[in-house]
Amino acid sequence: MQAKAAGAAAATPPRRVLLKLSGEALMGRREYGLDNDVVAAIAADIADVVALGAQVCVVIGGGNIFRGVRAAAAGMDRAQADYMGMLATVMNALAMQNALERREVPTRVQSAIPMSSICEPYIRRRAERHMEKGRVVIFAAGTGNPFFTTDTAAALRANEMNCDLLLKGTQVDGVYSADPRKVPDATRFERLTYLEVLSRDLAVMDAAAISLARENGLPIIIFNIHAAGAFAQVMRGEGKFTTIFEPG
């Protein structure tokens, strides 16, 4: 996988990828909740990648509805707050499933917290089988455990699914030395190693997610999810993005 990441962008798209989205990515310009137009636009991008022949799975955060860390800081029990955040990710997953299926992309939601009335429980082999059949699988409820972020859940599921790449769709077109929306002259990186991300304390993904990716040689790509068609472009090796991997 490392060799594939070094040029992550190959003429032939990776066979299987995991897309990580933050809950905030679904808000658009709103201060809370979902922007249906934004959800539809992201669903269109995912559909384009499925049309390329890639198998796609997705992890979505819940920060647009409820953020456990923030609630814990305000005095709520951390575990309880994190469970509430996991439920928010299920809501986002169902919204994305609806948007994808409106584009006739077969989709399954699997939750790490069983709730059989609305989605499947997370079963690794079943998820793999869904993707082999061309279905998009959305993993909800994080890892199912408090104290772990959805970034860590994304790295975990990507490894469990034997994904070739983990792609994180953000608000900017790669990793910068500082927030480019606040620091105009921030440096943009084309490539980074896992250790550089950790040692420079770059706000890409949490340390547990980066470490898990490093231990398993899982390349990470950071790109702007709000640029129309960017997901498919990155899969073809085009456009702007930052690749995180260990050369060798």
Foldseek 3Di string as FASTA:
>chain_A
DQVCLVLVADQQFFAEEEEEEELVQQQVPHQADGDLVSLLLLLVLVVVQLVSVHQYEYEYWQVRHADLVVVVVVPDDSFVRLQVRLVSRVVVVVSSCVSNVVVVAAEFEAECDDDPVPHHHDDLVVCLVCSVVSHYYYYTSQNVGTPDGNLQSQLVSCVSNVGQAYEYADQAAEFWLDPCVVVVPTHGAQEEELVVCVVSVTPDGDNNNSVSCQVVFHKYKYGHSPPRNVSVQVSNSHDGIYIYGDDD
